[in-house]
Amino acid sequence: MAWLKGLPKKGKKKEVLLVAGDVAETYEKFVLTMSRLKASFEHVFFVPGNHDLWLRREKENYIDSLQKLDKILDTCQRLGVETNPSVIDGLAIIPLFSWYHESFDREKDIPGIRIPSLELACKDFRACKWPDGLTNGDNSLATHFDAMNDKNKDTVQEMLASCNQIISFSHFIPRLELCPEKRMLFYPNLPKMIGSDFLEARIRYIHGARGNTNACHIFGHTHFCWDVLLDGIRYVQAPLAYPRERKRRMNGGEDWLPFCIYSKGELTENMSPCYWSDYYASNPRTPDVTELTPWVARFYRKL
C-alpha cells in the first residue's frame, strides 16, 4: 500500500497502466487498490491472477472462485478498469485470461531429492475452490480460462486488421524459457504451476507465428524480471513482487515501476537490469543438467 500511496494523481498525459494480476487476496483490498490506480492513470487494464481468486479469508462470501472472478470483473467495469481488448490512440491492448497446467513443464525433473508435492507447495490447491469438472490436477482450468478469450475473437480480428501496434498481456507465463531452470529454483517443481501452452498459442494467433517488430506480450506470476525477444515477440515481466523479495533482489520493483513499455508511438528500450533474461542472453539453457546449484542444494537432502 505504501507504493500505491506514493503514486501521483492523474495528470494531463494520457497514461495507460497494465496490471497483470495478483492485486489482492481479499475483495476489499482489490477494490481499494484498483480505485487508487484508476485515480493515478487515465486507463487501467487488468487480468486476474491466482491470488485474486483465493477464498481462504472469504469462504463464506462465494460459492467458488469463479463466482469471485465474476464479482471482480463486474467491479472492474464499475470502476472503469478495462478487462476486454481496447484501442487507445492506435495502440491495441489485449488482456488474455489464462491458468496454468502441470503438463506445461516438459523439462527434466531433479532426481534424488525429496521435493514437496504441488498440493503442499502451492496454496491454490487449498485457497481456490472450483465447481465440478474443474481441477488443478489436469488441463481443465487452463482450457476453461483460455476459452474465456473466445468472446473477444471478432474484436481481436478487427484489431489485427487495423492496428500496427498490439500489446497483449496475461498473468501466467506462455513459455518455459521465461522461467529459470529447475536446478536454480528454490522450489524446483515451480514450472509445473506457472504457465500455459494454450496461452502461447493465443499469443501467436495475435502476433503471428514468427512475431514482428511491434509484437509485445507482458506477463506476471513468477516475480522474475524478464525482457527478451523469443521467436519475434518481446516478452516482458516487470514485477512489483513481495516486500521481502524487493529487499533481497537486485532487480525487484518499487524503485522503477511503473515500467514504461510504450511511448511516442513505439515500444521502449529493454528494461534493465533484468537478472535472469540478462543471464540467459549470455548462457545457454541447459535443462538436462539436473544438479542443484549451491544456493538451492543447501535446502535439500539427498534421498
C-alpha atoms as a PDB file:
ATOM      1  CA  MET A   1       0.000   0.000   0.000  1.00  0.00           C
ATOM      2  CA  ALA A   2       2.905   2.359   0.653  1.00  0.00           C
ATOM      3  CA  TRP A   3       3.906   2.106  -3.013  1.00  0.00           C
ATOM      4  CA  LEU A   4       0.342   2.856  -4.101  1.00  0.00           C
ATOM      5  CA  LYS A   5       0.114   5.904  -1.881  1.00  0.00           C
ATOM      6  CA  GLY A   6       3.272   7.270  -3.481  1.00  0.00           C
ATOM      7  CA  LEU A   7       1.767   7.340  -6.969  1.00  0.00           C
ATOM      8  CA  PRO A   8       0.926  10.830  -8.264  1.00  0.00           C
ATOM      9  CA  LYS A   9      -2.643  11.762  -9.062  1.00  0.00           C
ATOM     10  CA  LYS A  10      -3.808  11.599 -12.653  1.00  0.00           C
ATOM     11  CA  GLY A  11      -2.055  14.255 -14.764  1.00  0.00           C
ATOM     12  CA  LYS A  12      -2.662  15.718 -18.199  1.00  0.00           C
ATOM     13  CA  LYS A  13      -0.770  12.963 -20.024  1.00  0.00           C
ATOM     14  CA  LYS A  14      -2.842  10.070 -21.329  1.00  0.00           C
ATOM     15  CA  GLU A  15      -1.204   7.249 -19.379  1.00  0.00           C
ATOM     16  CA  VAL A  16      -2.192   3.588 -19.606  1.00  0.00           C
ATOM     17  CA  LEU A  17      -1.377   1.023 -16.897  1.00  0.00           C
ATOM     18  CA  LEU A  18      -1.387  -2.743 -17.483  1.00  0.00           C
ATOM     19  CA  VAL A  19      -1.920  -4.761 -14.293  1.00  0.00           C
ATOM     20  CA  ALA A  20      -1.015  -8.416 -14.854  1.00  0.00           C
ATOM     21  CA  GLY A  21      -2.898  -9.902 -11.896  1.00  0.00           C
ATOM     22  CA  ASP A  22      -2.286 -10.764  -8.237  1.00  0.00           C
ATOM     23  CA  VAL A  23      -3.593  -7.443  -6.981  1.00  0.00           C
ATOM     24  CA  ALA A  24      -5.041  -8.591  -3.645  1.00  0.00           C
ATOM     25  CA  GLU A  25      -6.245 -11.687  -1.844  1.00  0.00           C
ATOM     26  CA  THR A  26      -9.407 -10.059  -0.478  1.00  0.00           C
ATOM     27  CA  TYR A  27     -12.122  -8.299  -2.441  1.00  0.00           C
ATOM     28  CA  GLU A  28     -11.997  -5.245  -0.170  1.00  0.00           C
ATOM     29  CA  LYS A  29      -8.291  -4.675  -0.826  1.00  0.00           C
ATOM     30  CA  PHE A  30      -8.792  -5.343  -4.524  1.00  0.00           C
ATOM     31  CA  VAL A  31     -11.354  -2.547  -4.768  1.00  0.00           C
ATOM     32  CA  LEU A  32      -9.157  -0.171  -2.767  1.00  0.00           C
ATOM     33  CA  THR A  33      -6.090  -0.931  -4.889  1.00  0.00           C
ATOM     34  CA  MET A  34      -7.806  -0.627  -8.255  1.00  0.00           C
ATOM     35  CA  SER A  35      -9.538   2.576  -7.182  1.00  0.00           C
ATOM     36  CA  ARG A  36      -6.172   4.107  -6.271  1.00  0.00           C
ATOM     37  CA  LEU A  37      -4.664   3.018  -9.575  1.00  0.00           C
ATOM     38  CA  LYS A  38      -7.599   4.451 -11.501  1.00  0.00           C
ATOM     39  CA  ALA A  39      -7.059   7.758  -9.689  1.00  0.00           C
ATOM     40  CA  SER A  40      -3.467   7.842 -10.973  1.00  0.00           C
ATOM     41  CA  PHE A  41      -3.875   6.601 -14.554  1.00  0.00           C
ATOM     42  CA  GLU A  42      -6.386   7.542 -17.224  1.00  0.00           C
ATOM     43  CA  HIS A  43      -6.680   3.958 -18.446  1.00  0.00           C
ATOM     44  CA  VAL A  44      -6.134   0.843 -16.335  1.00  0.00           C
ATOM     45  CA  PHE A  45      -6.255  -2.680 -17.793  1.00  0.00           C
ATOM     46  CA  PHE A  46      -6.404  -5.826 -15.660  1.00  0.00           C
ATOM     47  CA  VAL A  47      -6.274  -9.610 -15.930  1.00  0.00           C
ATOM     48  CA  PRO A  48      -6.852 -11.827 -12.867  1.00  0.00           C
ATOM     49  CA  GLY A  49      -4.095 -13.795 -11.177  1.00  0.00           C
ATOM     50  CA  ASN A  50      -4.414 -16.785  -8.886  1.00  0.00           C
ATOM     51  CA  HIS A  51      -4.150 -14.715  -5.679  1.00  0.00           C
ATOM     52  CA  ASP A  52      -7.120 -12.616  -6.757  1.00  0.00           C
ATOM     53  CA  LEU A  53      -9.272 -15.764  -6.724  1.00  0.00           C
ATOM     54  CA  TRP A  54      -8.254 -17.103  -3.322  1.00  0.00           C
ATOM     55  CA  LEU A  55     -11.111 -17.696  -0.873  1.00  0.00           C
ATOM     56  CA  ARG A  56      -9.325 -18.655   2.334  1.00  0.00           C
ATOM     57  CA  ARG A  57     -10.334 -15.376   4.041  1.00  0.00           C
ATOM     58  CA  GLU A  58     -13.692 -15.050   2.272  1.00  0.00           C
ATOM     59  CA  LYS A  59     -15.087 -18.586   2.071  1.00  0.00           C
ATOM     60  CA  GLU A  60     -18.488 -17.538   3.348  1.00  0.00           C
ATOM     61  CA  ASN A  61     -18.886 -14.895   0.624  1.00  0.00           C
ATOM     62  CA  TYR A  62     -18.592 -17.045  -2.506  1.00  0.00           C
ATOM     63  CA  ILE A  63     -19.741 -20.424  -3.775  1.00  0.00           C
ATOM     64  CA  ASP A  64     -16.420 -20.845  -5.577  1.00  0.00           C
ATOM     65  CA  SER A  65     -13.552 -18.916  -7.147  1.00  0.00           C
ATOM     66  CA  LEU A  66     -15.431 -18.407 -10.413  1.00  0.00           C
ATOM     67  CA  GLN A  67     -18.144 -16.524  -8.552  1.00  0.00           C
ATOM     68  CA  LYS A  68     -15.465 -14.295  -7.038  1.00  0.00           C
ATOM     69  CA  LEU A  69     -13.996 -13.789 -10.514  1.00  0.00           C
ATOM     70  CA  ASP A  70     -17.389 -12.649 -11.814  1.00  0.00           C
ATOM     71  CA  LYS A  71     -17.653 -10.157  -8.969  1.00  0.00           C
ATOM     72  CA  ILE A  72     -14.141  -8.844  -9.636  1.00  0.00           C
ATOM     73  CA  LEU A  73     -14.874  -8.375 -13.347  1.00  0.00           C
ATOM     74  CA  ASP A  74     -18.163  -6.617 -12.568  1.00  0.00           C
ATOM     75  CA  THR A  75     -16.319  -4.341 -10.146  1.00  0.00           C
ATOM     76  CA  CYS A  76     -13.707  -3.524 -12.779  1.00  0.00           C
ATOM     77  CA  GLN A  77     -16.471  -2.443 -15.132  1.00  0.00           C
ATOM     78  CA  ARG A  78     -17.979  -0.238 -12.423  1.00  0.00           C
ATOM     79  CA  LEU A  79     -14.599   1.356 -11.659  1.00  0.00           C
ATOM     80  CA  GLY A  80     -13.775   1.925 -15.314  1.00  0.00           C
ATOM     81  CA  VAL A  81     -10.992  -0.678 -15.325  1.00  0.00           C
ATOM     82  CA  GLU A  82     -10.687  -2.453 -18.682  1.00  0.00           C
ATOM     83  CA  THR A  83     -10.694  -6.260 -18.849  1.00  0.00           C
ATOM     84  CA  ASN A  84     -11.507  -6.537 -22.560  1.00  0.00           C
ATOM     85  CA  PRO A  85      -9.446  -5.616 -25.643  1.00  0.00           C
ATOM     86  CA  SER A  86      -9.435  -1.923 -26.489  1.00  0.00           C
ATOM     87  CA  VAL A  87      -7.674   0.522 -28.820  1.00  0.00           C
ATOM     88  CA  ILE A  88      -6.147   3.723 -27.435  1.00  0.00           C
ATOM     89  CA  ASP A  89      -4.640   6.180 -29.917  1.00  0.00           C
ATOM     90  CA  GLY A  90      -3.961   3.403 -32.406  1.00  0.00           C
ATOM     91  CA  LEU A  91      -2.428   1.053 -29.822  1.00  0.00           C
ATOM     92  CA  ALA A  92      -4.341  -2.210 -29.405  1.00  0.00           C
ATOM     93  CA  ILE A  93      -4.228  -3.656 -25.890  1.00  0.00           C
ATOM     94  CA  ILE A  94      -5.424  -7.232 -25.429  1.00  0.00           C
ATOM     95  CA  PRO A  95      -5.855  -8.734 -21.930  1.00  0.00           C
ATOM     96  CA  LEU A  96      -5.707 -12.549 -22.026  1.00  0.00           C
ATOM     97  CA  PHE A  97      -7.291 -14.807 -19.413  1.00  0.00           C
ATOM     98  CA  SER A  98      -5.211 -17.862 -18.513  1.00  0.00           C
ATOM     99  CA  TRP A  99      -4.452 -20.522 -15.909  1.00  0.00           C
ATOM    100  CA  TYR A 100      -1.541 -22.930 -15.549  1.00  0.00           C
ATOM    101  CA  HIS A 101      -1.403 -26.678 -16.179  1.00  0.00           C
ATOM    102  CA  GLU A 102       1.192 -29.181 -14.982  1.00  0.00           C
ATOM    103  CA  SER A 103       1.894 -30.568 -18.479  1.00  0.00           C
ATOM    104  CA  PHE A 104       3.293 -27.143 -19.432  1.00  0.00           C
ATOM    105  CA  ASP A 105       6.540 -28.368 -17.851  1.00  0.00           C
ATOM    106  CA  ARG A 106       8.410 -30.626 -20.270  1.00  0.00           C
ATOM    107  CA  GLU A 107      11.922 -30.366 -18.822  1.00  0.00           C
ATOM    108  CA  LYS A 108      13.693 -32.994 -16.707  1.00  0.00           C
ATOM    109  CA  ASP A 109      12.820 -33.168 -13.026  1.00  0.00           C
ATOM    110  CA  ILE A 110      15.520 -33.001 -10.357  1.00  0.00           C
ATOM    111  CA  PRO A 111      16.213 -36.584  -9.184  1.00  0.00           C
ATOM    112  CA  GLY A 112      17.426 -37.852  -5.840  1.00  0.00           C
ATOM    113  CA  ILE A 113      15.882 -35.268  -3.510  1.00  0.00           C
ATOM    114  CA  ARG A 114      12.592 -35.037  -1.672  1.00  0.00           C
ATOM    115  CA  ILE A 115      10.590 -32.174  -3.187  1.00  0.00           C
ATOM    116  CA  PRO A 116       7.266 -31.209  -1.561  1.00  0.00           C
ATOM    117  CA  SER A 117       4.251 -32.053  -3.705  1.00  0.00           C
ATOM    118  CA  LEU A 118       2.461 -29.364  -5.687  1.00  0.00           C
ATOM    119  CA  GLU A 119      -0.510 -29.724  -3.352  1.00  0.00           C
ATOM    120  CA  LEU A 120       1.678 -28.824  -0.368  1.00  0.00           C
ATOM    121  CA  ALA A 121       3.764 -26.149  -2.060  1.00  0.00           C
ATOM    122  CA  CYS A 122       1.026 -24.314  -3.944  1.00  0.00           C
ATOM    123  CA  LYS A 123      -1.654 -22.549  -1.892  1.00  0.00           C
ATOM    124  CA  ASP A 124      -4.008 -22.527  -4.886  1.00  0.00           C
ATOM    125  CA  PHE A 125      -4.958 -26.134  -4.125  1.00  0.00           C
ATOM    126  CA  ARG A 126      -6.371 -25.012  -0.776  1.00  0.00           C
ATOM    127  CA  ALA A 127      -7.198 -21.345  -1.268  1.00  0.00           C
ATOM    128  CA  CYS A 128      -9.154 -21.689  -4.522  1.00  0.00           C
ATOM    129  CA  LYS A 129     -12.400 -23.601  -4.893  1.00  0.00           C
ATOM    130  CA  TRP A 130     -13.728 -24.783  -8.241  1.00  0.00           C
ATOM    131  CA  PRO A 131     -17.028 -26.196  -9.488  1.00  0.00           C
ATOM    132  CA  ASP A 132     -17.285 -29.822 -10.557  1.00  0.00           C
ATOM    133  CA  GLY A 133     -15.291 -30.530 -13.701  1.00  0.00           C
ATOM    134  CA  LEU A 134     -12.530 -28.030 -12.995  1.00  0.00           C
ATOM    135  CA  THR A 135      -9.398 -29.055 -11.112  1.00  0.00           C
ATOM    136  CA  ASN A 136      -5.713 -28.224 -10.798  1.00  0.00           C
ATOM    137  CA  GLY A 137      -4.928 -31.874 -11.500  1.00  0.00           C
ATOM    138  CA  ASP A 138      -5.388 -31.684 -15.284  1.00  0.00           C
ATOM    139  CA  ASN A 139      -5.782 -29.178 -18.132  1.00  0.00           C
ATOM    140  CA  SER A 140      -9.402 -28.306 -17.345  1.00  0.00           C
ATOM    141  CA  LEU A 141      -8.711 -24.973 -15.634  1.00  0.00           C
ATOM    142  CA  ALA A 142      -6.245 -23.923 -18.328  1.00  0.00           C
ATOM    143  CA  THR A 143      -8.724 -24.651 -21.124  1.00  0.00           C
ATOM    144  CA  HIS A 144     -11.595 -23.024 -19.215  1.00  0.00           C
ATOM    145  CA  PHE A 145      -9.753 -19.741 -18.724  1.00  0.00           C
ATOM    146  CA  ASP A 146      -8.383 -19.792 -22.268  1.00  0.00           C
ATOM    147  CA  ALA A 147     -11.919 -20.230 -23.620  1.00  0.00           C
ATOM    148  CA  MET A 148     -12.927 -17.023 -21.827  1.00  0.00           C
ATOM    149  CA  ASN A 149     -10.949 -15.187 -24.524  1.00  0.00           C
ATOM    150  CA  ASP A 150     -13.152 -16.542 -27.321  1.00  0.00           C
ATOM    151  CA  LYS A 151     -15.846 -13.919 -26.752  1.00  0.00           C
ATOM    152  CA  ASN A 152     -13.383 -11.283 -27.971  1.00  0.00           C
ATOM    153  CA  LYS A 153     -12.362 -13.064 -31.185  1.00  0.00           C
ATOM    154  CA  ASP A 154     -14.192 -10.667 -33.507  1.00  0.00           C
ATOM    155  CA  THR A 155     -12.775  -7.639 -31.692  1.00  0.00           C
ATOM    156  CA  VAL A 156      -9.254  -9.047 -31.865  1.00  0.00           C
ATOM    157  CA  GLN A 157      -9.685  -9.824 -35.556  1.00  0.00           C
ATOM    158  CA  GLU A 158     -10.657  -6.202 -36.204  1.00  0.00           C
ATOM    159  CA  MET A 159      -7.578  -5.057 -34.270  1.00  0.00           C
ATOM    160  CA  LEU A 160      -5.308  -7.302 -36.317  1.00  0.00           C
ATOM    161  CA  ALA A 161      -6.653  -5.705 -39.482  1.00  0.00           C
ATOM    162  CA  SER A 162      -6.473  -2.088 -38.324  1.00  0.00           C
ATOM    163  CA  CYS A 163      -3.687  -1.702 -35.712  1.00  0.00           C
ATOM    164  CA  ASN A 164       0.048  -1.819 -36.390  1.00  0.00           C
ATOM    165  CA  GLN A 165       0.978  -1.947 -32.705  1.00  0.00           C
ATOM    166  CA  ILE A 166      -0.511  -4.571 -30.384  1.00  0.00           C
ATOM    167  CA  ILE A 167       0.422  -5.311 -26.785  1.00  0.00           C
ATOM    168  CA  SER A 168      -1.094  -8.409 -25.187  1.00  0.00           C
ATOM    169  CA  PHE A 169      -0.766  -9.321 -21.530  1.00  0.00           C
ATOM    170  CA  SER A 170      -1.573 -12.150 -19.122  1.00  0.00           C
ATOM    171  CA  HIS A 171      -0.904 -13.193 -15.561  1.00  0.00           C
ATOM    172  CA  PHE A 172       0.619 -16.609 -16.236  1.00  0.00           C
ATOM    173  CA  ILE A 173       3.641 -17.264 -18.424  1.00  0.00           C
ATOM    174  CA  PRO A 174       3.360 -18.532 -22.001  1.00  0.00           C
ATOM    175  CA  ARG A 175       6.783 -20.158 -22.480  1.00  0.00           C
ATOM    176  CA  LEU A 176       9.004 -22.280 -20.276  1.00  0.00           C
ATOM    177  CA  GLU A 177      12.053 -20.268 -21.398  1.00  0.00           C
ATOM    178  CA  LEU A 178      10.661 -17.382 -19.327  1.00  0.00           C
ATOM    179  CA  CYS A 179      11.500 -19.173 -16.079  1.00  0.00           C
ATOM    180  CA  PRO A 180      14.910 -20.191 -14.696  1.00  0.00           C
ATOM    181  CA  GLU A 181      15.832 -23.869 -14.930  1.00  0.00           C
ATOM    182  CA  LYS A 182      14.745 -26.166 -12.112  1.00  0.00           C
ATOM    183  CA  ARG A 183      18.235 -26.592 -10.649  1.00  0.00           C
ATOM    184  CA  MET A 184      18.277 -22.844  -9.935  1.00  0.00           C
ATOM    185  CA  LEU A 185      14.867 -22.622  -8.257  1.00  0.00           C
ATOM    186  CA  PHE A 186      14.281 -22.844  -4.510  1.00  0.00           C
ATOM    187  CA  TYR A 187      11.208 -24.916  -5.398  1.00  0.00           C
ATOM    188  CA  PRO A 188      12.422 -26.969  -8.394  1.00  0.00           C
ATOM    189  CA  ASN A 189       8.910 -28.006  -9.449  1.00  0.00           C
ATOM    190  CA  LEU A 190       7.773 -24.402  -9.855  1.00  0.00           C
ATOM    191  CA  PRO A 191       7.486 -24.777 -13.676  1.00  0.00           C
ATOM    192  CA  LYS A 192       4.560 -27.159 -13.161  1.00  0.00           C
ATOM    193  CA  MET A 193       2.375 -24.354 -11.787  1.00  0.00           C
ATOM    194  CA  ILE A 194       3.235 -21.256 -13.765  1.00  0.00           C
ATOM    195  CA  GLY A 195       2.299 -21.470 -17.418  1.00  0.00           C
ATOM    196  CA  SER A 196       0.012 -22.437 -20.260  1.00  0.00           C
ATOM    197  CA  ASP A 197       0.600 -23.753 -23.778  1.00  0.00           C
ATOM    198  CA  PHE A 198      -2.895 -22.544 -24.665  1.00  0.00           C
ATOM    199  CA  LEU A 199      -1.783 -19.031 -23.772  1.00  0.00           C
ATOM    200  CA  GLU A 200       1.233 -19.164 -26.090  1.00  0.00           C
ATOM    201  CA  ALA A 201      -0.999 -20.399 -28.929  1.00  0.00           C
ATOM    202  CA  ARG A 202      -3.331 -17.469 -28.290  1.00  0.00           C
ATOM    203  CA  ILE A 203      -0.385 -15.033 -28.329  1.00  0.00           C
ATOM    204  CA  ARG A 204       0.924 -16.456 -31.606  1.00  0.00           C
ATOM    205  CA  TYR A 205      -2.545 -16.088 -33.140  1.00  0.00           C
ATOM    206  CA  ILE A 206      -2.444 -12.398 -32.210  1.00  0.00           C
ATOM    207  CA  HIS A 207       1.166 -11.543 -33.050  1.00  0.00           C
ATOM    208  CA  GLY A 208       1.866 -14.142 -35.738  1.00  0.00           C
ATOM    209  CA  ALA A 209       3.782 -17.415 -35.690  1.00  0.00           C
ATOM    210  CA  ARG A 210       7.022 -15.535 -36.338  1.00  0.00           C
ATOM    211  CA  GLY A 211       6.060 -12.388 -34.467  1.00  0.00           C
ATOM    212  CA  ASN A 212       7.020  -8.956 -35.800  1.00  0.00           C
ATOM    213  CA  THR A 213       8.979  -5.870 -34.790  1.00  0.00           C
ATOM    214  CA  ASN A 214       5.945  -4.452 -32.956  1.00  0.00           C
ATOM    215  CA  ALA A 215       4.955  -7.650 -31.111  1.00  0.00           C
ATOM    216  CA  CYS A 216       4.986  -7.498 -27.313  1.00  0.00           C
ATOM    217  CA  HIS A 217       3.488  -9.611 -24.535  1.00  0.00           C
ATOM    218  CA  ILE A 218       3.527  -8.691 -20.835  1.00  0.00           C
ATOM    219  CA  PHE A 219       3.202 -11.395 -18.164  1.00  0.00           C
ATOM    220  CA  GLY A 220       3.416 -11.813 -14.390  1.00  0.00           C
ATOM    221  CA  HIS A 221       3.128 -14.522 -11.702  1.00  0.00           C
ATOM    222  CA  THR A 222       6.744 -15.635 -11.133  1.00  0.00           C
ATOM    223  CA  HIS A 223       8.212 -12.345  -9.812  1.00  0.00           C
ATOM    224  CA  PHE A 224      11.302 -12.601 -12.059  1.00  0.00           C
ATOM    225  CA  CYS A 225      12.233  -9.501 -14.056  1.00  0.00           C
ATOM    226  CA  TRP A 226      12.403 -10.506 -17.709  1.00  0.00           C
ATOM    227  CA  ASP A 227      12.774  -8.705 -21.041  1.00  0.00           C
ATOM    228  CA  VAL A 228      13.642 -10.878 -24.020  1.00  0.00           C
ATOM    229  CA  LEU A 229      12.880 -11.440 -27.701  1.00  0.00           C
ATOM    230  CA  LEU A 230      11.790 -15.017 -28.495  1.00  0.00           C
ATOM    231  CA  ASP A 231      10.753 -16.044 -31.999  1.00  0.00           C
ATOM    232  CA  GLY A 232       9.880 -12.478 -32.955  1.00  0.00           C
ATOM    233  CA  ILE A 233       7.890 -11.489 -29.855  1.00  0.00           C
ATOM    234  CA  ARG A 234       9.160  -9.362 -26.993  1.00  0.00           C
ATOM    235  CA  TYR A 235       8.197 -10.893 -23.624  1.00  0.00           C
ATOM    236  CA  VAL A 236       8.371  -8.643 -20.553  1.00  0.00           C
ATOM    237  CA  GLN A 237       7.785  -9.143 -16.844  1.00  0.00           C
ATOM    238  CA  ALA A 238       8.176  -6.124 -14.537  1.00  0.00           C
ATOM    239  CA  PRO A 239       7.095  -7.361 -11.088  1.00  0.00           C
ATOM    240  CA  LEU A 240       6.473  -5.280  -8.008  1.00  0.00           C
ATOM    241  CA  ALA A 241       6.970  -8.535  -6.028  1.00  0.00           C
ATOM    242  CA  TYR A 242       6.560  -9.049  -2.287  1.00  0.00           C
ATOM    243  CA  PRO A 243       8.241  -6.537   0.074  1.00  0.00           C
ATOM    244  CA  ARG A 244      10.618  -9.238   1.357  1.00  0.00           C
ATOM    245  CA  GLU A 245      11.615 -10.052  -2.226  1.00  0.00           C
ATOM    246  CA  ARG A 246      12.247  -6.418  -3.056  1.00  0.00           C
ATOM    247  CA  LYS A 247      14.630  -6.190  -0.108  1.00  0.00           C
ATOM    248  CA  ARG A 248      16.879  -9.040  -1.211  1.00  0.00           C
ATOM    249  CA  ARG A 249      16.767  -8.771  -5.007  1.00  0.00           C
ATOM    250  CA  MET A 250      18.875  -6.556  -7.181  1.00  0.00           C
ATOM    251  CA  ASN A 251      16.078  -6.021  -9.680  1.00  0.00           C
ATOM    252  CA  GLY A 252      12.848  -6.003  -7.683  1.00  0.00           C
ATOM    253  CA  GLY A 253      10.181  -3.482  -8.307  1.00  0.00           C
ATOM    254  CA  GLU A 254       9.223  -0.392  -6.438  1.00  0.00           C
ATOM    255  CA  ASP A 255      12.079   1.936  -7.422  1.00  0.00           C
ATOM    256  CA  TRP A 256      11.455   1.760 -11.168  1.00  0.00           C
ATOM    257  CA  LEU A 257       7.782   0.834 -11.505  1.00  0.00           C
ATOM    258  CA  PRO A 258       5.599   1.514 -13.367  1.00  0.00           C
ATOM    259  CA  PHE A 259       7.903   0.463 -16.212  1.00  0.00           C
ATOM    260  CA  CYS A 260       7.192   2.307 -19.477  1.00  0.00           C
ATOM    261  CA  ILE A 261       6.830  -0.212 -22.313  1.00  0.00           C
ATOM    262  CA  TYR A 262       5.342   2.093 -24.976  1.00  0.00           C
ATOM    263  CA  SER A 263       5.803   5.803 -25.631  1.00  0.00           C
ATOM    264  CA  LYS A 264       5.517   8.209 -28.575  1.00  0.00           C
ATOM    265  CA  GLY A 265       4.137   5.554 -30.880  1.00  0.00           C
ATOM    266  CA  GLU A 266       6.723   2.828 -30.305  1.00  0.00           C
ATOM    267  CA  LEU A 267       7.980   0.235 -27.840  1.00  0.00           C
ATOM    268  CA  THR A 268      10.615   1.494 -25.417  1.00  0.00           C
ATOM    269  CA  GLU A 269      14.109   0.077 -24.981  1.00  0.00           C
ATOM    270  CA  ASN A 270      14.738  -3.036 -22.935  1.00  0.00           C
ATOM    271  CA  MET A 271      14.257  -2.908 -19.198  1.00  0.00           C
ATOM    272  CA  SER A 272      17.489  -3.028 -17.220  1.00  0.00           C
ATOM    273  CA  PRO A 273      18.658  -4.716 -15.137  1.00  0.00           C
ATOM    274  CA  CYS A 274      16.809  -7.998 -15.700  1.00  0.00           C
ATOM    275  CA  TYR A 275      18.876 -10.560 -13.864  1.00  0.00           C
ATOM    276  CA  TRP A 276      17.518 -13.752 -15.416  1.00  0.00           C
ATOM    277  CA  SER A 277      16.970 -12.638 -19.002  1.00  0.00           C
ATOM    278  CA  ASP A 278      20.407 -10.977 -18.846  1.00  0.00           C
ATOM    279  CA  TYR A 279      21.811 -14.298 -17.613  1.00  0.00           C
ATOM    280  CA  TYR A 280      20.252 -16.266 -20.474  1.00  0.00           C
ATOM    281  CA  ALA A 281      21.430 -13.700 -23.007  1.00  0.00           C
ATOM    282  CA  SER A 282      24.970 -14.888 -22.196  1.00  0.00           C
ATOM    283  CA  ASN A 283      24.364 -18.503 -21.137  1.00  0.00           C
ATOM    284  CA  PRO A 284      22.508 -21.315 -22.930  1.00  0.00           C
ATOM    285  CA  ARG A 285      19.546 -23.003 -21.297  1.00  0.00           C
ATOM    286  CA  THR A 286      20.682 -26.479 -20.160  1.00  0.00           C
ATOM    287  CA  PRO A 287      17.646 -28.243 -18.634  1.00  0.00           C
ATOM    288  CA  ASP A 288      19.348 -31.650 -18.942  1.00  0.00           C
ATOM    289  CA  VAL A 289      21.716 -30.556 -16.169  1.00  0.00           C
ATOM    290  CA  THR A 290      19.882 -31.657 -13.018  1.00  0.00           C
ATOM    291  CA  GLU A 291      22.415 -31.000 -10.254  1.00  0.00           C
ATOM    292  CA  LEU A 292      21.110 -28.306  -7.931  1.00  0.00           C
ATOM    293  CA  THR A 293      23.008 -25.040  -7.753  1.00  0.00           C
ATOM    294  CA  PRO A 294      24.778 -24.471  -4.405  1.00  0.00           C
ATOM    295  CA  TRP A 295      22.310 -21.813  -3.236  1.00  0.00           C
ATOM    296  CA  VAL A 296      19.433 -24.277  -3.733  1.00  0.00           C
ATOM    297  CA  ALA A 297      21.186 -27.514  -2.714  1.00  0.00           C
ATOM    298  CA  ARG A 298      21.680 -26.368   0.874  1.00  0.00           C
ATOM    299  CA  PHE A 299      17.903 -26.558   1.398  1.00  0.00           C
ATOM    300  CA  TYR A 300      17.572 -30.197   0.264  1.00  0.00           C
ATOM    301  CA  ARG A 301      18.841 -33.556   1.469  1.00  0.00           C
ATOM    302  CA  LYS A 302      19.606 -36.332  -0.955  1.00  0.00           C
ATOM    303  CA  LEU A 303      17.466 -39.460  -0.725  1.00  0.00           C
END
